[in-house]
Protein backbone atom coordinates (compact mmCIF):
# COMPACT_ATOMS: atom_id res chain seq x y z
CA MET A 1 -0.08 -0.07 -0.20
CA THR A 2 1.12 3.42 -1.16
CA GLU A 3 0.44 5.91 0.55
CA THR A 4 -0.97 9.52 -0.57
CA THR A 5 1.72 11.88 -1.49
CA PRO A 6 1.36 15.38 -0.36
CA ALA A 7 3.67 16.93 -3.28
CA ILE A 8 1.42 17.99 -6.12
CA VAL A 9 4.48 19.19 -8.73
CA ALA A 10 3.94 20.26 -12.75
CA GLN A 11 6.61 19.79 -15.12
CA HIS A 12 7.29 23.32 -15.21
CA ALA A 13 8.02 23.64 -11.78
CA VAL A 14 10.60 21.13 -12.10
CA ARG A 15 13.30 23.47 -14.00
CA ARG A 16 16.71 22.84 -13.85
CA LEU A 17 19.13 24.90 -11.63
CA PRO A 18 21.95 25.48 -14.64
CA ARG A 19 25.00 23.58 -13.36
CA LEU A 20 27.25 26.37 -13.55
CA ALA A 21 24.99 28.01 -10.83
CA MET A 22 25.49 25.30 -8.98
CA TRP A 23 29.02 25.23 -9.26
CA LEU A 24 29.29 28.81 -8.42
CA PHE A 25 27.12 28.61 -5.37
CA CYS A 26 29.57 25.69 -4.39
CA LEU A 27 32.68 27.08 -5.25
CA ALA A 28 31.99 30.77 -3.66
CA PHE A 29 31.34 28.40 -0.57
CA VAL A 30 34.48 26.25 -0.86
CA VAL A 31 37.07 28.45 -1.68
CA PRO A 32 36.96 31.42 0.98
CA GLY A 33 38.50 30.59 4.11
CA LEU A 34 41.51 28.32 2.07
CA PHE A 35 43.97 30.66 1.64
CA GLY A 36 45.34 33.73 2.97
CA ARG A 37 45.04 32.56 6.91
CA GLU A 38 46.93 30.86 9.73
CA PRO A 39 45.30 27.76 11.60
CA TRP A 40 42.90 29.06 14.46
CA LYS A 41 42.81 28.28 17.50
CA GLY A 42 40.81 25.44 18.92
CA ASN A 43 40.57 22.18 17.26
CA GLU A 44 42.52 23.98 13.98
CA ILE A 45 45.66 24.56 15.29
CA THR A 46 44.86 21.20 17.73
CA ALA A 47 44.85 19.12 14.78
CA PHE A 48 47.51 20.79 12.73
CA GLY A 49 49.64 20.06 15.75
CA GLN A 50 49.34 16.52 15.46
CA MET A 51 49.78 16.30 11.47
CA LEU A 52 52.98 18.21 11.98
CA ALA A 53 54.08 15.56 14.60
CA LEU A 54 53.20 12.89 12.33
CA VAL A 55 55.83 14.56 9.64
CA ASP A 56 58.70 15.25 11.98
CA GLY A 57 58.72 12.11 13.52
CA PRO A 58 58.20 12.25 17.35
CA SER A 59 54.30 11.53 16.82
CA SER A 60 53.16 7.48 15.90
CA TRP A 61 51.05 7.18 12.49
CA LEU A 62 48.61 4.42 14.77
CA THR A 63 49.12 6.21 18.09
CA PRO A 64 49.57 10.03 17.59
CA MET A 65 50.78 11.78 20.50
CA LEU A 66 51.50 15.85 20.81
CA TRP A 67 54.01 16.46 23.31
CA GLY A 68 53.01 13.02 25.19
CA GLN A 69 48.78 14.08 24.88
CA ALA A 70 46.79 11.82 23.11
CA PRO A 71 44.56 13.83 20.61
CA ASP A 72 40.84 14.81 21.95
CA LEU A 73 39.62 12.12 19.10
CA ASP A 74 41.33 8.99 18.53
CA ALA A 75 41.43 9.75 14.83
CA LEU A 76 44.27 8.62 12.70
CA LEU A 77 42.61 9.49 8.71
CA PRO A 78 42.23 13.02 9.22
CA TYR A 79 46.12 13.08 10.85
CA TRP A 80 47.14 11.04 7.98
CA LEU A 81 46.05 13.29 4.87
CA GLY A 82 47.40 16.49 6.44
CA ALA A 83 50.58 14.75 7.26
CA TRP A 84 50.63 13.54 3.64
CA ALA A 85 49.44 16.29 2.05
CA ILE A 86 52.32 18.60 3.90
CA GLN A 87 54.97 15.96 2.81
CA MET A 88 53.73 16.38 -0.68
CA ALA A 89 52.95 19.81 -1.00
CA PRO A 90 55.56 21.95 -3.22
CA HIS A 91 58.00 23.72 -2.37
CA GLY A 92 56.94 27.10 -1.10
CA MET A 93 53.41 26.73 -0.10
CA SER A 94 52.66 26.70 3.43
CA ALA A 95 52.15 23.66 5.93
CA ALA A 96 49.30 25.58 7.29
CA LEU A 97 47.24 26.10 3.44
CA ALA A 98 48.34 22.28 2.02
CA VAL A 99 46.76 20.89 5.06
CA ARG A 100 43.14 22.29 3.58
CA ILE A 101 43.69 20.93 0.34
CA PRO A 102 42.52 17.99 1.18
CA PHE A 103 39.92 19.18 3.50
CA ALA A 104 38.53 21.06 1.14
CA MET A 105 37.76 18.30 -1.14
CA LEU A 106 36.40 16.67 1.73
CA LEU A 107 33.48 19.77 2.12
CA GLY A 108 33.24 19.04 -1.83
CA LEU A 109 32.90 15.49 -1.05
CA THR A 110 29.93 16.24 1.62
CA MET A 111 28.05 18.10 -0.58
CA ALA A 112 28.44 15.75 -4.01
CA ALA A 113 27.08 12.57 -1.54
CA THR A 114 24.01 14.82 -0.17
CA TRP A 115 23.00 15.72 -3.24
CA HIS A 116 23.36 12.22 -5.19
CA GLY A 117 21.62 10.84 -1.40
CA ALA A 118 19.04 12.93 -2.14
CA TYR A 119 18.65 12.01 -5.40
CA TYR A 120 17.85 8.89 -5.12
CA LEU A 121 15.45 9.54 -2.22
CA ALA A 122 13.24 11.59 -4.52
CA LEU A 123 13.54 9.07 -7.05
CA SER A 124 11.50 5.94 -4.75
CA PRO A 125 8.19 5.89 -6.10
CA GLN A 126 6.31 7.09 -2.55
CA ALA A 127 8.47 10.24 -3.04
CA GLN A 128 7.19 11.03 -6.40
CA PRO A 129 4.26 13.72 -7.16
CA VAL A 130 0.64 13.08 -7.79
CA ALA A 131 -0.45 11.93 -11.12
CA PHE A 132 -2.71 14.00 -13.37
CA ALA A 133 -5.26 12.94 -14.56
CA PHE A 134 -4.43 14.74 -18.34
CA GLY A 135 -0.75 14.07 -17.61
CA GLY A 136 2.13 17.06 -17.14
CA GLU A 137 3.02 16.37 -13.79
CA ALA A 138 6.67 16.05 -12.90
CA GLN A 139 8.89 13.25 -14.39
CA PRO A 140 10.74 10.97 -12.02
CA LYS A 141 14.27 12.11 -12.96
CA ASP A 142 13.93 15.70 -13.92
CA TYR A 143 11.62 15.36 -9.81
CA ALA A 144 14.50 13.80 -8.71
CA ARG A 145 16.81 16.39 -9.66
CA THR A 146 15.35 19.39 -8.45
CA MET A 147 15.07 17.91 -5.17
CA ALA A 148 18.85 16.83 -4.93
CA ASP A 149 19.44 20.76 -6.16
CA GLY A 150 17.32 22.04 -3.15
CA ALA A 151 18.70 19.46 -0.91
CA LEU A 152 22.35 21.30 -1.73
CA LEU A 153 20.97 24.65 -1.49
CA ALA A 154 19.62 23.99 1.89
CA LEU A 155 23.16 22.23 2.83
CA ILE A 156 25.32 25.49 1.83
CA ALA A 157 22.69 27.65 3.90
CA CYS A 158 22.73 26.16 7.10
CA LEU A 159 24.36 28.63 9.55
CA GLY A 160 26.34 25.96 11.50
CA LEU A 161 28.34 24.64 8.53
CA ALA A 162 30.53 27.86 7.40
CA GLN A 163 33.48 27.59 10.55
CA LEU A 164 33.40 24.13 10.82
CA SER A 165 33.41 23.09 7.51
CA HIS A 166 36.20 25.28 6.64
CA GLU A 167 38.83 23.60 9.72
CA ALA A 168 41.41 20.90 8.91
CA SER A 169 40.03 19.10 11.86
CA PRO A 170 38.57 15.58 12.10
CA ILE A 171 35.05 16.56 12.60
CA LEU A 172 35.46 17.59 8.87
CA ALA A 173 36.33 13.76 7.75
CA GLN A 174 33.33 12.25 10.27
CA LEU A 175 31.03 15.06 7.93
CA ALA A 176 32.55 13.92 4.70
CA PHE A 177 32.23 9.86 5.88
CA VAL A 178 28.58 10.20 6.95
CA SER A 179 27.42 12.08 3.85
CA CYS A 180 28.61 9.17 1.94
CA ALA A 181 27.25 6.43 4.16
CA PHE A 182 24.41 8.64 3.77
CA TYR A 183 24.40 8.06 0.27
CA GLY A 184 25.47 4.79 0.08
CA VAL A 185 22.31 3.64 2.22
CA ALA A 186 19.99 6.09 -0.25
CA ALA A 187 21.12 4.66 -3.52
CA LEU A 188 21.41 0.83 -2.35
CA PRO A 189 18.48 -0.09 -4.39
CA TYR A 190 19.26 1.42 -7.28
CA HIS A 191 22.95 0.63 -7.73
CA PRO A 192 24.12 -1.80 -4.61
CA ARG A 193 27.64 -1.76 -6.24
CA TYR A 194 28.84 2.08 -5.80
CA SER A 195 26.34 1.71 -2.54
CA LEU A 196 28.46 -0.54 -0.86
CA VAL A 197 31.65 1.48 -2.13
CA ALA A 198 30.31 4.59 -0.34
CA LEU A 199 29.30 2.48 2.39
CA GLY A 200 32.68 1.10 3.03
CA LEU A 201 34.14 4.00 2.45
CA GLY A 202 32.26 6.14 4.99
CA LEU A 203 32.02 3.85 7.86
CA SER A 204 35.29 3.00 7.97
CA GLY A 205 36.33 6.57 6.90
CA LEU A 206 34.00 7.46 9.86
CA SER A 207 35.63 4.87 11.84
CA LEU A 208 39.44 6.02 11.50
CA SER A 209 38.18 9.41 11.99
CA GLY A 210 37.49 8.95 15.70
CA ALA A 211 33.26 7.71 15.54
CA PRO A 212 33.51 3.96 15.38
CA SER A 213 30.59 3.49 17.82
CA PHE A 214 28.72 6.05 15.66
CA ALA A 215 29.68 3.87 12.25
CA VAL A 216 28.40 0.38 14.06
CA LEU A 217 25.45 2.17 15.43
CA MET A 218 24.90 3.82 11.44
CA ALA A 219 25.35 0.74 9.73
CA ALA A 220 22.82 -2.01 12.36
CA GLY A 221 20.08 0.88 11.80
CA SER A 222 20.56 1.04 8.44
CA GLY A 223 20.54 -2.52 8.66
CA LEU A 224 17.12 -2.56 10.10
CA LEU A 225 15.35 -0.05 7.92
CA CYS A 226 16.58 -1.70 4.72
CA LEU A 227 14.91 -4.90 6.25
CA LEU A 228 11.70 -3.04 7.13
CA ASP A 229 11.62 -1.36 3.94
CA LEU A 230 8.70 -3.49 2.27
CA GLU A 231 7.81 -0.77 -0.58
CA SER A 232 10.86 0.44 -2.31
CA THR A 233 12.51 -3.35 -2.28
CA SER A 234 11.40 -7.23 -1.94
CA ALA A 235 11.84 -9.20 0.85
CA THR A 236 14.77 -10.84 -0.75
CA THR A 237 16.54 -8.25 -1.79
CA GLY A 238 15.96 -6.04 1.47
CA ARG A 239 17.51 -8.96 3.46
CA ARG A 240 20.44 -8.93 1.29
CA HIS A 241 20.88 -5.14 2.17
CA ALA A 242 20.39 -5.55 5.77
CA LEU A 243 22.80 -8.31 6.10
CA TRP A 244 25.80 -6.09 3.92
CA LEU A 245 24.98 -3.45 6.68
CA VAL A 246 25.47 -5.65 9.55
CA GLY A 247 28.23 -7.33 7.81
CA MET A 248 29.87 -3.68 7.26
CA GLY A 249 29.41 -2.30 10.40
CA LEU A 250 31.51 -6.18 12.22
CA ALA A 251 33.55 -5.01 9.84
CA VAL A 252 33.91 -1.28 11.13
CA ALA A 253 33.93 -2.81 14.57
CA CYS A 254 36.65 -5.39 14.20
CA ILE A 255 39.22 -2.49 12.41
CA ALA A 256 38.16 -0.12 15.74
CA SER A 257 39.65 -2.88 17.77
CA ALA A 258 42.43 -3.16 16.41
CA LEU A 259 43.59 -0.32 15.84
CA ASP A 260 42.28 0.35 19.34
CA VAL A 261 40.37 3.87 18.33
CA TRP A 262 37.70 3.14 20.87
CA GLN A 263 36.65 5.73 22.86
CA TRP A 264 32.83 6.58 24.46
CA ARG A 265 32.76 10.06 25.28
CA LEU A 266 29.07 10.17 26.26
CA GLN A 267 27.95 12.16 29.41
CA THR A 268 24.91 11.87 31.73
CA PRO A 269 22.10 13.76 30.46
CA HIS A 270 22.05 18.10 31.65
CA ASN A 271 20.41 18.44 35.17
CA ASN A 272 18.84 21.58 34.87
CA TRP A 273 17.01 23.82 32.22
CA SER A 274 19.43 26.39 31.76
CA GLU A 275 21.93 23.57 30.11
CA TRP A 276 18.91 22.34 28.11
CA ARG A 277 17.85 26.13 27.15
CA SER A 278 21.56 26.00 25.77
CA VAL A 279 21.28 23.09 23.93
CA LEU A 280 18.17 24.38 21.96
CA ARG A 281 19.22 27.56 21.26
CA LEU A 282 22.34 25.91 19.72
CA LEU A 283 20.42 23.52 17.73
CA ALA A 284 17.51 25.98 16.66
CA TRP A 285 20.89 28.40 15.70
CA PHE A 286 23.43 25.71 14.03
CA THR A 287 20.87 24.29 12.02
CA TRP A 288 18.62 27.12 10.58
CA PRO A 289 17.14 27.36 8.35
CA VAL A 290 16.66 23.53 7.75
CA TRP A 291 14.75 22.89 10.81
CA PRO A 292 11.52 24.38 10.06
CA LEU A 293 11.46 23.50 6.62
CA ALA A 294 12.48 19.10 8.23
CA LEU A 295 9.72 19.87 10.48
CA TRP A 296 7.31 21.14 7.85
CA THR A 297 8.02 18.09 5.72
CA LEU A 298 7.74 15.84 8.93
CA TRP A 299 4.54 16.93 9.01
CA ARG A 300 2.90 17.13 5.56
CA TRP A 301 4.59 13.43 4.65
CA ARG A 302 3.26 12.19 8.14
CA SER A 303 1.44 9.33 6.69
CA HIS A 304 4.81 8.53 4.98
CA TRP A 305 6.35 7.56 8.54
CA THR A 306 3.90 7.03 11.09
CA SER A 307 2.29 3.90 9.47
CA LEU A 308 3.62 0.56 8.90
CA HIS A 309 4.04 0.95 5.18
CA TRP A 310 6.30 3.71 5.39
CA SER A 311 8.50 5.35 3.18
CA ARG A 312 12.30 5.51 2.43
CA HIS A 313 12.57 9.24 1.14
CA VAL A 314 11.31 10.43 5.07
CA VAL A 315 12.32 7.72 7.35
CA LEU A 316 15.85 7.42 6.41
CA PRO A 317 16.88 10.82 6.89
CA MET A 318 14.40 10.81 9.62
CA TRP A 319 16.96 8.21 10.96
CA PHE A 320 20.48 9.70 10.29
CA ALA A 321 19.38 12.99 11.57
CA ALA A 322 18.16 11.66 14.77
CA LEU A 323 20.80 9.69 15.73
CA THR A 324 22.95 12.51 15.53
CA VAL A 325 21.30 14.88 17.40
CA VAL A 326 20.53 12.53 20.33
CA THR A 327 24.22 11.55 20.49
CA ALA A 328 25.02 15.46 20.35
CA LEU A 329 22.95 15.89 23.53
CA PHE A 330 25.20 13.33 24.94
CA THR A 331 28.71 14.36 24.30
CA PRO A 332 30.61 17.79 25.57
CA SER A 333 31.25 18.55 21.97
CA ALA A 334 27.54 19.27 21.12
CA ASP A 335 28.03 21.72 18.02
CA ARG A 336 31.02 19.24 16.23
CA THR A 337 28.09 16.41 16.28
CA LEU A 338 25.20 18.51 15.23
CA LEU A 339 27.61 19.27 12.07
CA LEU A 340 26.70 15.34 11.38
CA ALA A 341 23.03 16.40 11.06
CA LEU A 342 23.08 18.74 8.63
CA PRO A 343 23.31 16.69 5.27
CA PRO A 344 20.03 14.26 6.48
CA LEU A 345 17.97 17.73 7.47
CA ALA A 346 19.09 19.21 4.39
CA THR A 347 17.34 16.41 2.75
CA LEU A 348 14.37 16.05 4.79
CA ALA A 349 14.43 20.20 3.70
CA ALA A 350 14.44 19.65 0.13
CA PHE A 351 11.09 17.41 0.43
CA ALA A 352 8.88 20.26 1.70
CA LEU A 353 9.74 21.96 -0.95
CA PRO A 354 6.61 21.27 -3.01
CA THR A 355 4.69 21.08 -0.47
CA LEU A 356 4.87 24.67 0.64
CA ARG A 357 2.19 27.14 0.68
CA ARG A 358 3.03 30.70 -1.53
CA SER A 359 2.63 32.20 1.62
CA MET A 360 5.24 30.87 3.24
CA SER A 361 7.28 30.42 0.72
CA ALA A 362 7.20 34.28 0.55
CA PHE A 363 7.75 34.63 4.13
CA ILE A 364 11.38 32.49 3.65
CA ASP A 365 12.46 34.85 0.59
CA TRP A 366 11.67 38.31 2.06
CA PHE A 367 13.28 37.14 5.84
CA THR A 368 16.13 35.67 4.06
CA LEU A 369 16.91 38.97 1.56
CA LEU A 370 16.43 40.94 4.91
CA PHE A 371 18.64 39.06 7.25
CA PHE A 372 21.30 38.37 4.72
CA SER A 373 20.99 41.95 3.29
CA GLY A 374 21.50 43.28 6.49
CA CYS A 375 24.21 40.80 7.53
CA ALA A 376 26.31 41.97 3.96
CA LEU A 377 25.87 45.99 5.36
CA VAL A 378 27.34 45.24 8.18
CA ILE A 379 30.31 43.74 6.84
CA TRP A 380 30.92 46.48 4.59
CA VAL A 381 30.30 49.30 7.23
CA VAL A 382 32.84 47.62 9.71
CA TRP A 383 35.14 47.37 7.05
CA ILE A 384 34.99 50.50 6.00
CA ALA A 385 35.39 52.07 9.49
CA MET A 386 38.48 49.64 9.75
CA GLN A 387 40.13 51.35 6.32
CA THR A 388 38.74 55.16 6.85
CA GLY A 389 37.86 55.21 10.62
CA TRP A 390 34.12 56.13 9.58
CA PRO A 391 31.52 55.45 11.14
CA THR A 392 33.80 55.98 13.92
CA GLN A 393 31.63 53.44 16.32
CA PRO A 394 32.44 50.51 14.47
CA ALA A 395 36.34 51.53 14.30
CA ALA A 396 36.19 52.04 17.69
CA ASN A 397 34.22 48.79 18.70
CA VAL A 398 37.12 47.06 16.51
CA ALA A 399 40.00 48.88 18.37
CA ARG A 400 38.73 47.46 21.60
CA LEU A 401 38.19 44.04 20.51
CA ALA A 402 41.53 43.68 18.82
CA PRO A 403 43.88 45.76 20.55
CA GLY A 404 47.53 46.30 18.11
CA PHE A 405 45.47 45.43 15.10
CA VAL A 406 46.48 47.60 12.03
CA PRO A 407 44.19 47.08 9.32
CA SER A 408 45.24 46.41 5.86
CA PHE A 409 43.61 46.84 2.03
CA GLY A 410 43.78 43.84 -0.20
CA VAL A 411 42.52 44.94 -4.16
CA LEU A 412 42.29 41.34 -4.79
CA ALA A 413 39.72 40.95 -1.93
CA CYS A 414 38.12 44.13 -2.63
CA VAL A 415 37.30 43.11 -5.96
CA VAL A 416 36.06 39.60 -4.85
CA ALA A 417 34.11 41.05 -2.36
CA VAL A 418 32.42 43.46 -4.53
CA MET A 419 31.37 41.06 -7.41
CA ALA A 420 30.09 38.75 -4.89
CA THR A 421 27.87 41.84 -3.63
CA LEU A 422 26.94 42.25 -6.85
CA ALA A 423 26.19 38.89 -7.99
CA TRP A 424 23.61 38.75 -4.85
CA ALA A 425 21.94 42.09 -6.05
CA TRP A 426 21.30 40.30 -9.26
CA LEU A 427 20.33 36.81 -7.43
CA VAL A 428 17.45 38.52 -5.75
CA LEU A 429 16.37 40.23 -9.24
CA TRP A 430 16.75 36.84 -11.09
CA ARG A 431 14.64 35.27 -8.62
CA VAL A 432 11.76 37.54 -8.23
CA GLY A 433 11.48 37.85 -12.38
CA LYS A 434 12.52 34.68 -13.01
CA HIS A 435 12.17 30.83 -12.75
CA ARG A 436 8.87 31.91 -9.79
CA HIS A 437 7.34 28.13 -10.52
CA ALA A 438 10.95 26.45 -9.66
CA LEU A 439 10.58 24.06 -6.86
CA TRP A 440 14.38 25.31 -5.61
CA LYS A 441 13.32 28.94 -5.59
CA SER A 442 12.25 28.97 -1.52
CA VAL A 443 16.37 27.84 -1.14
CA VAL A 444 18.22 29.92 -3.37
CA LEU A 445 18.25 32.63 -1.36
CA PRO A 446 19.38 31.28 2.02
CA ALA A 447 22.22 29.40 0.11
CA GLY A 448 23.23 32.65 -1.65
CA GLY A 449 23.11 34.80 1.40
CA ALA A 450 25.03 31.98 3.31
CA ALA A 451 27.75 32.07 0.41
CA LEU A 452 28.16 35.92 -0.19
CA CYS A 453 28.11 36.57 3.65
CA TRP A 454 30.34 33.64 4.15
CA LEU A 455 32.51 35.24 1.45
CA LEU A 456 32.49 38.40 2.48
CA LEU A 457 33.59 37.67 5.79
CA MET A 458 36.73 35.66 4.40
CA THR A 459 37.74 38.50 2.18
CA LEU A 460 36.94 41.61 4.09
CA TRP A 461 37.44 40.31 7.29
CA LEU A 462 40.09 37.97 7.41
CA PRO A 463 42.81 39.97 8.42
CA LEU A 464 41.00 40.98 11.05
CA LEU A 465 39.68 37.31 11.95
CA ASP A 466 42.91 35.88 11.32
CA PHE A 467 44.26 38.35 14.36
CA ALA A 468 41.32 37.57 16.52
CA ARG A 469 41.24 33.88 15.74
CA SER A 470 45.01 33.13 15.00
CA TYR A 471 48.15 32.73 17.70
CA LYS A 472 50.56 33.86 14.88
CA PRO A 473 50.35 38.02 16.22
CA TRP A 474 50.67 36.55 19.86
CA VAL A 475 53.72 34.58 19.32
CA ALA A 476 55.08 37.60 17.24
CA GLN A 477 54.54 39.79 20.33
CA ILE A 478 56.62 37.56 22.52
CA GLN A 479 59.23 37.33 20.26
CA THR A 480 59.54 41.25 20.55
CA VAL A 481 59.58 40.90 24.02
CA MET A 482 62.63 38.51 23.92
CA ALA A 483 65.01 40.55 21.41
CA ARG A 484 64.08 43.14 23.81
CA VAL A 485 65.73 41.07 27.05
CA SER A 486 68.20 39.05 24.78
CA SER A 487 70.25 39.70 21.51
CA THR A 488 70.33 35.78 20.96
CA ALA A 489 67.91 34.28 18.95
CA PRO A 490 66.13 31.89 21.37
CA ASN A 491 65.43 28.42 20.12
CA CYS A 492 64.33 26.58 22.81
CA LEU A 493 61.29 27.52 25.26
CA MET A 494 60.28 25.80 28.38
CA ALA A 495 56.21 25.61 28.55
CA TYR A 496 54.08 25.20 31.94
CA GLY A 497 50.49 25.04 31.43
CA LEU A 498 50.43 25.98 27.85
CA ASP A 499 47.94 23.19 25.77
CA ALA A 500 49.63 21.65 22.45
CA GLY A 501 47.58 23.88 20.69
CA GLN A 502 49.56 27.09 22.30
CA MET A 503 52.76 24.92 21.77
CA THR A 504 52.28 23.87 18.42
CA ALA A 505 51.63 27.90 17.76
CA PHE A 506 54.84 28.47 19.02
CA ARG A 507 56.34 25.81 17.20
CA TYR A 508 54.95 26.47 14.14
CA HIS A 509 55.18 30.33 14.17
CA GLY A 510 58.03 31.15 16.35
CA GLY A 511 60.15 27.92 15.02
CA PHE A 512 60.95 27.23 19.04
CA GLU A 513 62.13 23.71 20.39
CA ILE A 514 59.40 23.27 22.89
CA LYS A 515 59.87 21.94 26.23
CA PRO A 516 56.74 21.10 27.78
CA LEU A 517 57.64 21.54 31.92
CA ASP A 518 56.52 19.14 34.51
CA SER A 519 58.25 17.92 38.01
CA SER A 520 59.96 15.35 36.37
CA SER A 521 61.86 17.43 33.41
CA ARG A 522 64.32 19.94 35.11
CA PRO A 523 67.13 18.17 34.69
CA GLN A 524 66.15 17.38 31.15
CA HIS A 525 65.68 21.23 30.17
CA ALA A 526 68.31 22.83 32.05
CA SER A 527 69.63 24.29 29.02
CA CYS A 528 66.63 26.41 27.76
CA GLU A 529 66.88 29.68 28.66
CA TRP A 530 63.11 30.63 28.43
CA LEU A 531 59.89 29.83 30.18
CA LEU A 532 56.33 30.79 29.43
CA VAL A 533 53.87 29.97 32.14
CA ASP A 534 50.11 30.03 32.08
CA ASN A 535 49.03 32.64 34.13
CA ASP A 536 46.75 30.54 36.53
CA LEU A 537 48.83 27.94 36.97
CA ARG A 538 51.67 30.37 38.43
CA PRO A 539 51.36 29.85 41.99
CA GLY A 540 52.18 26.18 41.49
CA LEU A 541 55.71 27.09 39.29
CA SER A 542 57.65 27.02 42.63
CA GLN A 543 57.03 23.02 42.26
CA VAL A 544 58.72 22.34 39.40
CA VAL A 545 61.66 25.18 38.75
CA LYS A 546 63.67 26.61 41.37
CA LEU A 547 62.46 30.61 40.84
CA SER A 548 65.68 31.63 42.21
CA GLU A 549 67.02 31.08 38.73
CA TRP A 550 64.33 32.86 37.04
CA THR A 551 64.13 36.27 35.97
CA ARG A 552 60.11 37.72 35.49
CA ILE A 553 60.20 39.68 32.43
CA GLN A 554 56.50 40.50 32.36
CA THR A 555 52.70 38.90 31.86
CA ILE A 556 51.74 39.42 28.31
CA ARG A 557 48.26 39.23 27.37
CA ARG A 558 46.78 37.23 23.74
CA PRO A 559 45.39 40.03 21.52
CA SER A 560 41.92 39.60 21.45
CA ASP A 561 41.94 37.44 24.66
CA ASN A 562 41.75 37.97 27.79
CA ASP A 563 41.87 34.72 29.05
CA GLU A 564 44.77 33.52 28.13
CA ASP A 565 47.47 35.56 29.91
CA VAL A 566 51.26 34.09 30.22
CA ILE A 567 53.70 35.12 32.02
CA LEU A 568 57.64 34.85 30.34
CA PHE A 569 60.58 34.36 32.31
CA HIS A 570 63.98 34.57 31.25
CA ARG A 571 66.88 32.17 33.05
CA GLN A 572 69.41 33.72 35.01
CA PRO A 573 73.00 34.22 33.62
């Protein structure tokens, strides 16, 4: 029994989004942030340190360690990719740029897998629109292609995708491999061989990227759905697909056990309303604007997932999204985990498009137009204030939040930003003037606005953001203080209380040989003449060094961050 579809779509509404326009959307989102910046603090600089350690030799390829510290995620493949990129980089290319190239390709893989996964789900008979009495309804492949275009545009529009998807860290690898697994399960009834390749890549890559338990759960749940799918395949085929998925899950578990990458990071649920409210607020903005559309899909297609004869185009992305969201509620890094929910949520959002009323579609257009145009205006105004000092209030805010920052004018960045802004204005006019009946019309402006704002940030604001988010200005500031004290170029630095990312910054930007300090390292580091101490750990410093041997130089505050004060000491001659 096939449930009644709520989609009423004529053939003229499934006009194909021009491939050139789709490629420009993707490039405008992927390329900005790839060039012209250093590794940013947090997950990116820590992962970058692990990659450098693999290249330089002190770390094992099977058990990565950074100054004796294990990574937060028991990931192997992302660090291998970065290390291989550094080793293969041409002469003159910085290591920071080299490691971002394979991760930009992973973001492209995420987009391609999401498009193809949505395409094959929309191709299923239960997802097809109502057949008209005299013909004229949308043809299956044209309809599926339009749904896939809508899913990809919805993915680009997600606010939470912007920064995390441009960091060279394990979470981006997890996103790409989740998308591959999603495509593999979606296309299983149509192209079993390609699907098995995608599933093998996705599940094994996910296991080697720090999420083996998530991969096993995903394989087991997807296998169960294949077994219970009574509409898309025969019972025999469904059992065969389920066995394949269960077998892959067992293989992933064996690989994870052999490489010893199992690690549970689940925590007990929050026990007060303020913490739950914070998580819900994160969920609301991180998955905007796809979550309202996804909820609308679940409502309009409710007969396709609340009955015994459910439809895979709704249940499959709902399962992937629900698994990720529930996992995020039990993990300390909810934002990184929620990133994995964006491809299935974007697919669910796409199936809302053929059911939207004209008033709701108009509301989305106007809200998007005002929101992203306002954001673009703010970015331009602040940039003009940085360059000219007017308006005075934005210029004063930049000077207060980023003391020491000296604005610079980049001709290429300005030209690209102007062209992007003009393209946005053209897109708005094109949207209201043509293709008014195309199904993807309600997500083309959100995707274009998200790509515009990210591109403007990564061109006009990139020097400011790099100053605030990278450690390079901080390292240069400390080197300047060292040069005033000693004429000898420092090459060794003892660190007490600094985290792995901070020590990586001093190693990469300053060229220091870093010696982490603890109670057992005093004789080993006796030759170092410089000591950098976290300000919060200063009271316990006397337990690891003889203070009489050291002269306190000064407390140095990292620009744009009041919580990273360090104290510089120099060994007395």
